[in-house]
Amino acid sequence: MMETDTPIYVNNTQIENVESYVYLRQRHSTRDKNKDKENQRRITAGWTAFAKHRDIFKGNIGTCLKRQIYNIAYFQQ
């Protein structure tokens, strides 16, 4: 990919040049080809979803229901 300092405009709005972004829950980087940051971001998102509903996960309900709650919490981030 060729880097340029020439601004790009769409409908008279300048497009921001970024080094990384999240698309479809996956971090992409224009410079860093190392996946460590993406892996750490996913781990953090998983623990955040777990911590949000800690009382439910420690409760006496079925694993199937716990998994459904975790998935809802994780994918709403």
N, C-alpha and C. Protein backbone atom coordinates (compact mmCIF):
# COMPACT_ATOMS: atom_id res chain seq x y z
N MET A 1 0.85 -1.16 0.00
CA MET A 1 0.00 0.00 0.00
C MET A 1 0.89 1.23 0.00
N MET A 2 0.60 2.18 -0.86
CA MET A 2 1.41 3.38 -0.97
C MET A 2 0.86 4.47 -0.06
N GLU A 3 1.75 5.07 0.73
CA GLU A 3 1.33 6.13 1.64
C GLU A 3 1.42 7.47 0.91
N THR A 4 0.44 8.32 1.17
CA THR A 4 0.41 9.63 0.51
C THR A 4 -0.03 10.69 1.50
N ASP A 5 0.47 11.91 1.31
CA ASP A 5 0.06 13.04 2.13
C ASP A 5 -1.03 13.84 1.45
N THR A 6 -1.43 13.42 0.28
CA THR A 6 -2.48 14.12 -0.46
C THR A 6 -3.83 13.82 0.18
N PRO A 7 -4.55 14.85 0.61
CA PRO A 7 -5.86 14.60 1.23
C PRO A 7 -6.85 14.02 0.22
N ILE A 8 -7.73 13.18 0.72
CA ILE A 8 -8.77 12.56 -0.10
C ILE A 8 -10.11 13.13 0.36
N TYR A 9 -10.94 13.53 -0.59
CA TYR A 9 -12.24 14.13 -0.28
C TYR A 9 -13.37 13.28 -0.88
N VAL A 10 -14.44 13.14 -0.11
CA VAL A 10 -15.67 12.51 -0.58
C VAL A 10 -16.80 13.46 -0.23
N ASN A 11 -17.54 13.89 -1.25
CA ASN A 11 -18.62 14.86 -1.06
C ASN A 11 -18.15 16.09 -0.28
N ASN A 12 -17.01 16.62 -0.68
CA ASN A 12 -16.42 17.82 -0.07
C ASN A 12 -16.03 17.64 1.39
N THR A 13 -15.90 16.40 1.86
CA THR A 13 -15.47 16.12 3.22
C THR A 13 -14.16 15.36 3.16
N GLN A 14 -13.15 15.87 3.87
CA GLN A 14 -11.85 15.21 3.86
C GLN A 14 -11.91 13.93 4.70
N ILE A 15 -11.39 12.86 4.13
CA ILE A 15 -11.34 11.57 4.81
C ILE A 15 -10.14 11.56 5.75
N GLU A 16 -10.38 11.15 7.00
CA GLU A 16 -9.31 11.11 7.99
C GLU A 16 -8.35 9.96 7.71
N ASN A 17 -7.06 10.22 7.83
CA ASN A 17 -6.04 9.20 7.66
C ASN A 17 -5.74 8.60 9.03
N VAL A 18 -5.99 7.31 9.21
CA VAL A 18 -5.77 6.65 10.50
C VAL A 18 -4.79 5.51 10.34
N GLU A 19 -4.13 5.15 11.45
CA GLU A 19 -3.20 4.03 11.42
C GLU A 19 -3.87 2.71 11.73
N SER A 20 -5.00 2.76 12.46
CA SER A 20 -5.73 1.53 12.76
C SER A 20 -7.20 1.84 12.95
N TYR A 21 -8.03 0.81 12.77
CA TYR A 21 -9.48 0.95 12.92
C TYR A 21 -10.07 -0.42 13.21
N VAL A 22 -11.29 -0.42 13.76
CA VAL A 22 -12.00 -1.67 14.03
C VAL A 22 -13.14 -1.79 13.03
N TYR A 23 -13.17 -2.91 12.32
CA TYR A 23 -14.22 -3.18 11.33
C TYR A 23 -14.68 -4.61 11.54
N LEU A 24 -15.99 -4.78 11.69
CA LEU A 24 -16.56 -6.10 11.95
C LEU A 24 -15.87 -6.77 13.15
N ARG A 25 -15.70 -5.97 14.22
CA ARG A 25 -15.11 -6.42 15.48
C ARG A 25 -13.68 -6.92 15.35
N GLN A 26 -12.97 -6.52 14.30
CA GLN A 26 -11.58 -6.92 14.14
C GLN A 26 -10.73 -5.68 13.87
N ARG A 27 -9.61 -5.55 14.61
CA ARG A 27 -8.74 -4.41 14.46
C ARG A 27 -7.86 -4.59 13.23
N HIS A 28 -7.79 -3.57 12.40
CA HIS A 28 -6.94 -3.55 11.22
C HIS A 28 -5.95 -2.41 11.36
N SER A 29 -4.72 -2.61 10.92
CA SER A 29 -3.70 -1.59 11.02
C SER A 29 -3.02 -1.41 9.68
N THR A 30 -2.75 -0.15 9.33
CA THR A 30 -2.06 0.12 8.07
C THR A 30 -0.55 -0.01 8.22
N ARG A 31 -0.07 0.05 9.46
CA ARG A 31 1.37 -0.01 9.70
C ARG A 31 1.80 -1.27 10.42
N ASP A 32 1.12 -1.63 11.47
CA ASP A 32 1.52 -2.73 12.34
C ASP A 32 0.94 -4.04 11.82
N LYS A 33 1.79 -4.91 11.37
CA LYS A 33 1.32 -6.20 10.85
C LYS A 33 1.28 -7.26 11.95
N ASN A 34 1.67 -6.89 13.16
CA ASN A 34 1.67 -7.79 14.30
C ASN A 34 0.24 -7.92 14.83
N LYS A 35 -0.20 -9.11 15.07
CA LYS A 35 -1.58 -9.36 15.52
C LYS A 35 -1.72 -9.32 17.04
N ASP A 36 -0.63 -9.03 17.77
CA ASP A 36 -0.69 -9.01 19.24
C ASP A 36 -1.70 -7.99 19.75
N LYS A 37 -1.76 -6.81 19.14
CA LYS A 37 -2.70 -5.79 19.60
C LYS A 37 -4.14 -6.23 19.38
N GLU A 38 -4.40 -6.87 18.26
CA GLU A 38 -5.76 -7.37 17.98
C GLU A 38 -6.13 -8.46 18.98
N ASN A 39 -5.21 -9.36 19.25
CA ASN A 39 -5.49 -10.42 20.22
C ASN A 39 -5.76 -9.84 21.60
N GLN A 40 -4.97 -8.86 22.02
CA GLN A 40 -5.17 -8.24 23.32
C GLN A 40 -6.50 -7.51 23.37
N ARG A 41 -6.89 -6.85 22.28
CA ARG A 41 -8.18 -6.15 22.23
C ARG A 41 -9.33 -7.12 22.39
N ARG A 42 -9.24 -8.29 21.76
CA ARG A 42 -10.30 -9.29 21.87
C ARG A 42 -10.37 -9.89 23.28
N ILE A 43 -9.23 -10.14 23.86
CA ILE A 43 -9.21 -10.66 25.23
C ILE A 43 -9.85 -9.65 26.18
N THR A 44 -9.48 -8.38 26.03
CA THR A 44 -10.06 -7.33 26.87
C THR A 44 -11.57 -7.23 26.68
N ALA A 45 -12.03 -7.33 25.44
CA ALA A 45 -13.47 -7.26 25.17
C ALA A 45 -14.20 -8.44 25.83
N GLY A 46 -13.60 -9.61 25.80
CA GLY A 46 -14.21 -10.77 26.44
C GLY A 46 -14.31 -10.62 27.94
N TRP A 47 -13.24 -10.15 28.57
CA TRP A 47 -13.26 -9.96 30.02
C TRP A 47 -14.22 -8.83 30.41
N THR A 48 -14.31 -7.81 29.58
CA THR A 48 -15.25 -6.72 29.85
C THR A 48 -16.68 -7.24 29.83
N ALA A 49 -17.00 -8.09 28.85
CA ALA A 49 -18.34 -8.68 28.78
C ALA A 49 -18.61 -9.55 30.00
N PHE A 50 -17.61 -10.30 30.43
CA PHE A 50 -17.77 -11.16 31.60
C PHE A 50 -17.99 -10.31 32.85
N ALA A 51 -17.15 -9.27 33.03
CA ALA A 51 -17.23 -8.43 34.23
C ALA A 51 -18.56 -7.69 34.33
N LYS A 52 -19.14 -7.34 33.20
CA LYS A 52 -20.42 -6.62 33.18
C LYS A 52 -21.52 -7.40 33.89
N HIS A 53 -21.47 -8.70 33.77
CA HIS A 53 -22.52 -9.56 34.31
C HIS A 53 -21.94 -10.60 35.28
N ARG A 54 -20.96 -10.19 36.04
CA ARG A 54 -20.25 -11.09 36.96
C ARG A 54 -21.20 -11.82 37.90
N ASP A 55 -22.19 -11.11 38.44
CA ASP A 55 -23.12 -11.74 39.39
C ASP A 55 -23.92 -12.86 38.74
N ILE A 56 -24.29 -12.66 37.49
CA ILE A 56 -25.04 -13.70 36.77
C ILE A 56 -24.16 -14.93 36.54
N PHE A 57 -22.91 -14.70 36.12
CA PHE A 57 -22.02 -15.82 35.81
C PHE A 57 -21.64 -16.62 37.05
N LYS A 58 -21.64 -15.98 38.20
CA LYS A 58 -21.33 -16.69 39.44
C LYS A 58 -22.58 -17.31 40.06
N GLY A 59 -23.74 -16.98 39.49
CA GLY A 59 -25.00 -17.47 40.03
C GLY A 59 -25.25 -18.94 39.71
N ASN A 60 -26.34 -19.42 40.22
CA ASN A 60 -26.70 -20.83 40.08
C ASN A 60 -27.68 -21.02 38.92
N ILE A 61 -27.25 -20.65 37.72
CA ILE A 61 -28.08 -20.87 36.52
C ILE A 61 -27.30 -21.75 35.55
N GLY A 62 -27.98 -22.28 34.58
CA GLY A 62 -27.36 -23.20 33.64
C GLY A 62 -26.30 -22.56 32.76
N THR A 63 -25.34 -23.37 32.36
CA THR A 63 -24.25 -22.92 31.51
C THR A 63 -24.77 -22.39 30.17
N CYS A 64 -25.79 -23.01 29.64
CA CYS A 64 -26.36 -22.58 28.36
C CYS A 64 -26.86 -21.14 28.45
N LEU A 65 -27.56 -20.82 29.52
CA LEU A 65 -28.07 -19.46 29.72
C LEU A 65 -26.92 -18.48 29.94
N LYS A 66 -25.92 -18.89 30.70
CA LYS A 66 -24.74 -18.05 30.91
C LYS A 66 -24.05 -17.73 29.59
N ARG A 67 -23.92 -18.72 28.73
CA ARG A 67 -23.29 -18.53 27.42
C ARG A 67 -24.08 -17.55 26.57
N GLN A 68 -25.40 -17.65 26.59
CA GLN A 68 -26.24 -16.73 25.83
C GLN A 68 -26.06 -15.29 26.31
N ILE A 69 -26.02 -15.10 27.63
CA ILE A 69 -25.84 -13.77 28.20
C ILE A 69 -24.46 -13.22 27.82
N TYR A 70 -23.43 -14.05 27.92
CA TYR A 70 -22.07 -13.63 27.56
C TYR A 70 -22.01 -13.20 26.10
N ASN A 71 -22.58 -13.99 25.19
CA ASN A 71 -22.57 -13.64 23.78
C ASN A 71 -23.29 -12.34 23.50
N ILE A 72 -24.42 -12.12 24.14
CA ILE A 72 -25.15 -10.87 23.96
C ILE A 72 -24.30 -9.70 24.44
N ALA A 73 -23.68 -9.83 25.61
CA ALA A 73 -22.87 -8.75 26.18
C ALA A 73 -21.64 -8.49 25.31
N TYR A 74 -20.97 -9.54 24.82
CA TYR A 74 -19.76 -9.38 24.02
C TYR A 74 -20.07 -8.71 22.69
N PHE A 75 -21.11 -9.14 22.02
CA PHE A 75 -21.40 -8.62 20.69
C PHE A 75 -22.08 -7.26 20.70
N GLN A 76 -22.48 -6.76 21.86
CA GLN A 76 -23.05 -5.42 21.93
C GLN A 76 -21.98 -4.37 22.14
N GLN A 77 -20.72 -4.76 22.27
CA GLN A 77 -19.65 -3.79 22.47
C GLN A 77 -19.29 -3.11 21.19
